[in-house]
């Protein structure tokens, strides 16, 4: 007699069941609908799994933008620097060094 091993899913773990009560399922559907509205391209996601992947990517991009804005804020608030520290042709960086960042935002 041959025994078959249960193969795990690609992400590991086992499949979770949907909430058992109808009110819990309705709440989950509302949350998924809201997430679809908030995530760029979420309306095009065919299933909840792909929606969650898009949401994770979107969060990563937002975090990168926050870090970039923090760095730009630090540069702008540091005050004027000698022009030799600004790369040639970088008007935005030059504006920040000269203290006129708000002209670009």
Protein backbone atom coordinates (compact mmCIF):
# COMPACT_ATOMS: atom_id res chain seq x y z
CA UNK A 1 0.00 0.00 0.00
CA UNK A 2 1.39 3.33 -1.05
CA UNK A 3 0.84 6.38 1.12
CA UNK A 4 0.54 9.80 -0.41
CA UNK A 5 2.15 12.77 1.22
CA UNK A 6 0.15 15.92 1.48
CA UNK A 7 1.86 18.64 -0.48
CA UNK A 8 2.03 22.04 1.09
CA UNK A 9 0.86 25.10 -0.74
CA UNK A 10 3.44 27.40 -2.40
CA UNK A 11 3.23 29.93 0.45
CA UNK A 12 3.32 27.22 3.09
CA UNK A 13 0.63 26.60 5.66
CA UNK A 14 -2.88 25.43 5.05
CA UNK A 15 -5.87 27.04 3.42
CA UNK A 16 -7.86 29.21 5.78
CA UNK A 17 -11.61 29.15 5.76
CA UNK A 18 -13.80 32.18 5.38
CA UNK A 19 -15.45 33.48 8.54
CA UNK A 20 -18.44 31.31 9.40
CA UNK A 21 -21.07 33.92 10.21
CA UNK A 22 -22.77 35.85 7.44
CA UNK A 23 -22.04 39.16 9.19
CA UNK A 24 -18.32 38.30 9.27
CA UNK A 25 -18.37 37.42 5.57
CA UNK A 26 -20.18 40.66 4.78
CA UNK A 27 -17.61 42.65 6.79
CA UNK A 28 -14.78 40.89 4.94
CA UNK A 29 -16.40 41.68 1.56
CA UNK A 30 -16.73 45.35 2.57
CA UNK A 31 -13.07 45.49 3.57
CA UNK A 32 -11.93 43.86 0.33
CA UNK A 33 -14.11 46.29 -1.65
CA UNK A 34 -12.57 49.24 0.24
CA UNK A 35 -9.06 47.89 -0.37
CA UNK A 36 -9.84 47.58 -4.09
CA UNK A 37 -10.84 51.25 -4.08
CA UNK A 38 -7.67 52.39 -2.25
CA UNK A 39 -5.02 50.41 -4.12
CA UNK A 40 -4.08 51.63 -7.60
CA UNK A 41 -5.13 48.92 -10.04
CA UNK A 42 -7.13 47.18 -7.32
CA UNK A 43 -10.32 47.31 -9.36
CA UNK A 44 -8.58 45.19 -12.00
CA UNK A 45 -7.39 42.50 -9.55
CA UNK A 46 -9.39 39.35 -10.36
CA UNK A 47 -9.17 37.82 -6.89
CA UNK A 48 -8.34 38.76 -3.31
CA UNK A 49 -4.88 37.16 -3.48
CA UNK A 50 -3.73 39.33 -6.36
CA UNK A 51 -5.32 42.34 -4.66
CA UNK A 52 -3.24 41.67 -1.55
CA UNK A 53 -0.06 41.43 -3.65
CA UNK A 54 -0.86 44.77 -5.29
CA UNK A 55 -1.55 46.29 -1.87
CA UNK A 56 1.81 45.04 -0.55
CA UNK A 57 3.61 46.52 -3.58
CA UNK A 58 1.76 49.80 -3.13
CA UNK A 59 2.72 49.98 0.55
CA UNK A 60 6.37 49.36 -0.35
CA UNK A 61 6.26 52.18 -2.92
CA UNK A 62 4.64 54.53 -0.40
CA UNK A 63 7.34 53.74 2.15
CA UNK A 64 10.04 54.48 -0.44
CA UNK A 65 8.37 57.81 -1.22
CA UNK A 66 8.27 58.68 2.48
CA UNK A 67 11.99 57.95 2.80
CA UNK A 68 12.74 60.06 -0.27
CA UNK A 69 10.67 62.96 1.06
CA UNK A 70 12.42 62.70 4.44
CA UNK A 71 15.79 62.89 2.70
CA UNK A 72 14.70 65.88 0.61
CA UNK A 73 13.37 67.60 3.73
CA UNK A 74 16.69 67.04 5.47
CA UNK A 75 18.56 68.49 2.49
CA UNK A 76 16.26 71.52 2.27
CA UNK A 77 16.30 72.24 5.99
CA UNK A 78 20.09 71.97 6.21
CA UNK A 79 20.40 75.42 4.72
CA UNK A 80 22.45 76.70 1.80
CA UNK A 81 25.46 74.68 0.76
CA UNK A 82 28.26 75.69 -1.54
CA UNK A 83 27.10 75.30 -5.17
CA UNK A 84 29.99 72.93 -5.86
CA UNK A 85 28.09 70.23 -3.93
CA UNK A 86 25.12 70.36 -6.30
CA UNK A 87 25.37 68.10 -9.37
CA UNK A 88 25.42 70.09 -12.60
CA UNK A 89 22.04 70.32 -14.28
CA UNK A 90 20.02 69.24 -11.24
CA UNK A 91 17.63 72.18 -10.95
CA UNK A 92 15.53 70.62 -8.17
CA UNK A 93 18.56 69.90 -5.99
CA UNK A 94 19.93 73.36 -6.70
CA UNK A 95 16.61 74.91 -5.69
CA UNK A 96 16.69 73.00 -2.41
CA UNK A 97 20.24 74.10 -1.72
CA UNK A 98 19.26 77.69 -2.41
CA UNK A 99 16.28 77.37 -0.07
CA UNK A 100 13.51 77.55 -2.68
CA UNK A 101 12.25 73.96 -2.56
CA UNK A 102 8.64 75.04 -2.30
CA UNK A 103 8.80 76.26 -5.91
CA UNK A 104 9.01 72.63 -7.01
CA UNK A 105 6.25 71.12 -4.85
